Protein backbone atom coordinates (compact mmCIF):
# COMPACT_ATOMS: atom_id res chain seq x y z
CA UNK A 1 0.00 0.00 0.00
CA UNK A 2 1.21 3.51 -0.78
CA UNK A 3 2.09 5.91 1.97
CA UNK A 4 -0.01 9.08 2.30
CA UNK A 5 2.86 11.22 0.97
CA UNK A 6 3.11 9.15 -2.22
CA UNK A 7 -0.65 9.26 -2.70
CA UNK A 8 -0.61 13.05 -2.31
CA UNK A 9 2.23 13.35 -4.85
CA UNK A 10 0.32 11.14 -7.28
CA UNK A 11 -2.78 13.32 -6.88
CA UNK A 12 -0.72 16.45 -7.57
CA UNK A 13 0.66 14.92 -10.77
CA UNK A 14 -2.79 13.81 -11.93
CA UNK A 15 -4.13 17.32 -11.32
CA UNK A 16 -1.23 18.82 -13.30
CA UNK A 17 -1.98 16.53 -16.24
CA UNK A 18 -5.67 17.43 -16.06
CA UNK A 19 -4.90 21.16 -15.99
CA UNK A 20 -2.56 20.88 -18.99
CA UNK A 21 -5.13 18.92 -20.99
CA UNK A 22 -7.82 21.50 -20.25
CA UNK A 23 -5.41 24.30 -21.15
CA UNK A 24 -4.50 22.72 -24.48
CA UNK A 25 -7.89 21.30 -25.49
CA UNK A 26 -10.30 23.77 -23.86
CA UNK A 27 -13.66 22.21 -22.98
CA UNK A 28 -12.80 18.90 -24.66
CA UNK A 29 -9.78 18.50 -22.38
CA UNK A 30 -11.75 17.79 -19.24
CA UNK A 31 -13.98 15.22 -20.94
CA UNK A 32 -11.00 13.51 -22.56
CA UNK A 33 -9.12 13.50 -19.25
CA UNK A 34 -12.06 11.92 -17.43
CA UNK A 35 -12.40 9.20 -20.07
CA UNK A 36 -8.68 8.41 -19.98
CA UNK A 37 -8.54 8.57 -16.18
CA UNK A 38 -11.49 6.20 -15.85
CA UNK A 39 -9.97 3.79 -18.39
CA UNK A 40 -6.59 3.67 -16.66
CA UNK A 41 -8.17 3.46 -13.20
CA UNK A 42 -10.16 0.38 -14.26
CA UNK A 43 -7.42 -1.27 -16.30
CA UNK A 44 -4.13 -2.77 -15.24
CA UNK A 45 -1.27 -3.33 -17.64
CA UNK A 46 1.74 -5.56 -17.42
CA UNK A 47 5.05 -3.66 -17.53
CA UNK A 48 6.05 -5.47 -20.72
CA UNK A 49 2.94 -4.17 -22.51
CA UNK A 50 3.61 -0.60 -21.40
CA UNK A 51 7.21 -0.84 -22.66
CA UNK A 52 5.95 -2.14 -26.02
CA UNK A 53 3.42 0.70 -26.35
CA UNK A 54 5.79 3.48 -25.29
CA UNK A 55 7.70 3.94 -28.60
CA UNK A 56 4.41 4.36 -30.49
CA UNK A 57 2.76 6.80 -28.10
CA UNK A 58 4.11 9.86 -29.95
CA UNK A 59 3.32 8.54 -33.40
CA UNK A 60 0.06 10.50 -33.94
CA UNK A 61 1.79 13.76 -32.99
CA UNK A 62 4.67 13.11 -35.36
CA UNK A 63 2.21 12.26 -38.11
CA UNK A 64 0.33 15.52 -37.58
CA UNK A 65 3.62 17.43 -37.82
CA UNK A 66 4.39 15.66 -41.09
CA UNK A 67 0.98 16.60 -42.47
CA UNK A 68 1.51 20.21 -41.39
CA UNK A 69 4.86 20.20 -43.19
CA UNK A 70 3.21 18.78 -46.31
CA UNK A 71 0.52 21.48 -46.18
CA UNK A 72 3.19 24.19 -45.96
CA UNK A 73 4.99 22.59 -48.90
CA UNK A 74 1.75 22.56 -50.88
CA UNK A 75 1.13 26.22 -50.06
CA UNK A 76 4.60 27.07 -51.33
CA UNK A 77 4.83 24.84 -54.43
CA UNK A 78 1.19 24.23 -55.35
CA UNK A 79 -1.19 21.31 -55.19
CA UNK A 80 -0.13 17.78 -55.97
CA UNK A 81 -1.87 15.99 -58.85
CA UNK A 82 -5.10 14.26 -57.77
CA UNK A 83 -3.98 10.66 -58.40
CA UNK A 84 -0.33 11.14 -57.45
CA UNK A 85 1.36 8.85 -54.95
CA UNK A 86 1.86 11.77 -52.54
CA UNK A 87 -1.83 12.70 -52.60
CA UNK A 88 -2.91 9.08 -52.11
CA UNK A 89 -0.49 8.64 -49.20
CA UNK A 90 -1.64 11.82 -47.49
CA UNK A 91 -5.28 10.75 -47.83
CA UNK A 92 -4.50 7.37 -46.27
CA UNK A 93 -2.55 8.95 -43.41
CA UNK A 94 -5.41 11.37 -42.67
CA UNK A 95 -7.91 8.51 -42.70
CA UNK A 96 -5.73 6.51 -40.32
CA UNK A 97 -5.39 9.46 -37.92
CA UNK A 98 -9.14 9.98 -37.77
CA UNK A 99 -9.69 6.27 -37.19
CA UNK A 100 -7.05 6.28 -34.45
C-alpha atoms as a PDB file:
ATOM      1  CA  UNK A   1       0.000   0.000   0.000  1.00  0.00           C
ATOM      2  CA  UNK A   2       1.210   3.509  -0.780  1.00  0.00           C
ATOM      3  CA  UNK A   3       2.086   5.909   1.969  1.00  0.00           C
ATOM      4  CA  UNK A   4      -0.011   9.083   2.300  1.00  0.00           C
ATOM      5  CA  UNK A   5       2.857  11.218   0.975  1.00  0.00           C
ATOM      6  CA  UNK A   6       3.105   9.150  -2.216  1.00  0.00           C
ATOM      7  CA  UNK A   7      -0.652   9.262  -2.698  1.00  0.00           C
ATOM      8  CA  UNK A   8      -0.614  13.055  -2.311  1.00  0.00           C
ATOM      9  CA  UNK A   9       2.233  13.351  -4.849  1.00  0.00           C
ATOM     10  CA  UNK A  10       0.316  11.140  -7.279  1.00  0.00           C
ATOM     11  CA  UNK A  11      -2.783  13.316  -6.882  1.00  0.00           C
ATOM     12  CA  UNK A  12      -0.720  16.454  -7.571  1.00  0.00           C
ATOM     13  CA  UNK A  13       0.663  14.916 -10.773  1.00  0.00           C
ATOM     14  CA  UNK A  14      -2.785  13.810 -11.932  1.00  0.00           C
ATOM     15  CA  UNK A  15      -4.133  17.322 -11.321  1.00  0.00           C
ATOM     16  CA  UNK A  16      -1.232  18.823 -13.300  1.00  0.00           C
ATOM     17  CA  UNK A  17      -1.976  16.534 -16.243  1.00  0.00           C
ATOM     18  CA  UNK A  18      -5.666  17.431 -16.056  1.00  0.00           C
ATOM     19  CA  UNK A  19      -4.902  21.159 -15.994  1.00  0.00           C
ATOM     20  CA  UNK A  20      -2.558  20.878 -18.985  1.00  0.00           C
ATOM     21  CA  UNK A  21      -5.132  18.922 -20.995  1.00  0.00           C
ATOM     22  CA  UNK A  22      -7.819  21.502 -20.246  1.00  0.00           C
ATOM     23  CA  UNK A  23      -5.415  24.304 -21.146  1.00  0.00           C
ATOM     24  CA  UNK A  24      -4.499  22.722 -24.484  1.00  0.00           C
ATOM     25  CA  UNK A  25      -7.887  21.300 -25.492  1.00  0.00           C
ATOM     26  CA  UNK A  26     -10.299  23.767 -23.857  1.00  0.00           C
ATOM     27  CA  UNK A  27     -13.659  22.210 -22.982  1.00  0.00           C
ATOM     28  CA  UNK A  28     -12.800  18.897 -24.662  1.00  0.00           C
ATOM     29  CA  UNK A  29      -9.779  18.498 -22.384  1.00  0.00           C
ATOM     30  CA  UNK A  30     -11.752  17.786 -19.239  1.00  0.00           C
ATOM     31  CA  UNK A  31     -13.980  15.221 -20.940  1.00  0.00           C
ATOM     32  CA  UNK A  32     -10.998  13.512 -22.557  1.00  0.00           C
ATOM     33  CA  UNK A  33      -9.123  13.503 -19.254  1.00  0.00           C
ATOM     34  CA  UNK A  34     -12.065  11.916 -17.425  1.00  0.00           C
ATOM     35  CA  UNK A  35     -12.403   9.204 -20.072  1.00  0.00           C
ATOM     36  CA  UNK A  36      -8.682   8.408 -19.978  1.00  0.00           C
ATOM     37  CA  UNK A  37      -8.538   8.570 -16.176  1.00  0.00           C
ATOM     38  CA  UNK A  38     -11.492   6.204 -15.850  1.00  0.00           C
ATOM     39  CA  UNK A  39      -9.971   3.791 -18.386  1.00  0.00           C
ATOM     40  CA  UNK A  40      -6.592   3.667 -16.659  1.00  0.00           C
ATOM     41  CA  UNK A  41      -8.167   3.462 -13.199  1.00  0.00           C
ATOM     42  CA  UNK A  42     -10.163   0.385 -14.263  1.00  0.00           C
ATOM     43  CA  UNK A  43      -7.417  -1.274 -16.304  1.00  0.00           C
ATOM     44  CA  UNK A  44      -4.130  -2.768 -15.244  1.00  0.00           C
ATOM     45  CA  UNK A  45      -1.274  -3.327 -17.644  1.00  0.00           C
ATOM     46  CA  UNK A  46       1.737  -5.556 -17.418  1.00  0.00           C
ATOM     47  CA  UNK A  47       5.052  -3.659 -17.525  1.00  0.00           C
ATOM     48  CA  UNK A  48       6.047  -5.470 -20.722  1.00  0.00           C
ATOM     49  CA  UNK A  49       2.937  -4.172 -22.507  1.00  0.00           C
ATOM     50  CA  UNK A  50       3.609  -0.601 -21.403  1.00  0.00           C
ATOM     51  CA  UNK A  51       7.205  -0.843 -22.661  1.00  0.00           C
ATOM     52  CA  UNK A  52       5.952  -2.143 -26.019  1.00  0.00           C
ATOM     53  CA  UNK A  53       3.422   0.702 -26.353  1.00  0.00           C
ATOM     54  CA  UNK A  54       5.793   3.481 -25.288  1.00  0.00           C
ATOM     55  CA  UNK A  55       7.703   3.944 -28.601  1.00  0.00           C
ATOM     56  CA  UNK A  56       4.411   4.358 -30.486  1.00  0.00           C
ATOM     57  CA  UNK A  57       2.758   6.804 -28.097  1.00  0.00           C
ATOM     58  CA  UNK A  58       4.112   9.857 -29.947  1.00  0.00           C
ATOM     59  CA  UNK A  59       3.320   8.544 -33.402  1.00  0.00           C
ATOM     60  CA  UNK A  60       0.061  10.504 -33.940  1.00  0.00           C
ATOM     61  CA  UNK A  61       1.788  13.756 -32.990  1.00  0.00           C
ATOM     62  CA  UNK A  62       4.667  13.111 -35.362  1.00  0.00           C
ATOM     63  CA  UNK A  63       2.215  12.256 -38.108  1.00  0.00           C
ATOM     64  CA  UNK A  64       0.328  15.524 -37.580  1.00  0.00           C
ATOM     65  CA  UNK A  65       3.622  17.435 -37.816  1.00  0.00           C
ATOM     66  CA  UNK A  66       4.388  15.657 -41.089  1.00  0.00           C
ATOM     67  CA  UNK A  67       0.984  16.600 -42.469  1.00  0.00           C
ATOM     68  CA  UNK A  68       1.510  20.208 -41.391  1.00  0.00           C
ATOM     69  CA  UNK A  69       4.862  20.199 -43.194  1.00  0.00           C
ATOM     70  CA  UNK A  70       3.214  18.783 -46.311  1.00  0.00           C
ATOM     71  CA  UNK A  71       0.524  21.478 -46.180  1.00  0.00           C
ATOM     72  CA  UNK A  72       3.191  24.187 -45.960  1.00  0.00           C
ATOM     73  CA  UNK A  73       4.989  22.588 -48.900  1.00  0.00           C
ATOM     74  CA  UNK A  74       1.749  22.563 -50.877  1.00  0.00           C
ATOM     75  CA  UNK A  75       1.134  26.218 -50.058  1.00  0.00           C
ATOM     76  CA  UNK A  76       4.596  27.070 -51.328  1.00  0.00           C
ATOM     77  CA  UNK A  77       4.829  24.841 -54.426  1.00  0.00           C
ATOM     78  CA  UNK A  78       1.192  24.227 -55.349  1.00  0.00           C
ATOM     79  CA  UNK A  79      -1.189  21.312 -55.189  1.00  0.00           C
ATOM     80  CA  UNK A  80      -0.127  17.776 -55.971  1.00  0.00           C
ATOM     81  CA  UNK A  81      -1.870  15.994 -58.847  1.00  0.00           C
ATOM     82  CA  UNK A  82      -5.097  14.255 -57.772  1.00  0.00           C
ATOM     83  CA  UNK A  83      -3.980  10.656 -58.396  1.00  0.00           C
ATOM     84  CA  UNK A  84      -0.325  11.139 -57.454  1.00  0.00           C
ATOM     85  CA  UNK A  85       1.357   8.852 -54.948  1.00  0.00           C
ATOM     86  CA  UNK A  86       1.857  11.768 -52.544  1.00  0.00           C
ATOM     87  CA  UNK A  87      -1.835  12.701 -52.600  1.00  0.00           C
ATOM     88  CA  UNK A  88      -2.908   9.081 -52.108  1.00  0.00           C
ATOM     89  CA  UNK A  89      -0.489   8.644 -49.199  1.00  0.00           C
ATOM     90  CA  UNK A  90      -1.643  11.822 -47.494  1.00  0.00           C
ATOM     91  CA  UNK A  91      -5.279  10.749 -47.834  1.00  0.00           C
ATOM     92  CA  UNK A  92      -4.504   7.373 -46.274  1.00  0.00           C
ATOM     93  CA  UNK A  93      -2.553   8.951 -43.409  1.00  0.00           C
ATOM     94  CA  UNK A  94      -5.407  11.371 -42.670  1.00  0.00           C
ATOM     95  CA  UNK A  95      -7.914   8.514 -42.705  1.00  0.00           C
ATOM     96  CA  UNK A  96      -5.727   6.512 -40.325  1.00  0.00           C
ATOM     97  CA  UNK A  97      -5.391   9.458 -37.923  1.00  0.00           C
ATOM     98  CA  UNK A  98      -9.144   9.982 -37.774  1.00  0.00           C
ATOM     99  CA  UNK A  99      -9.694   6.269 -37.191  1.00  0.00           C
ATOM    100  CA  UNK A 100      -7.054   6.284 -34.452  1.00  0.00           C
END
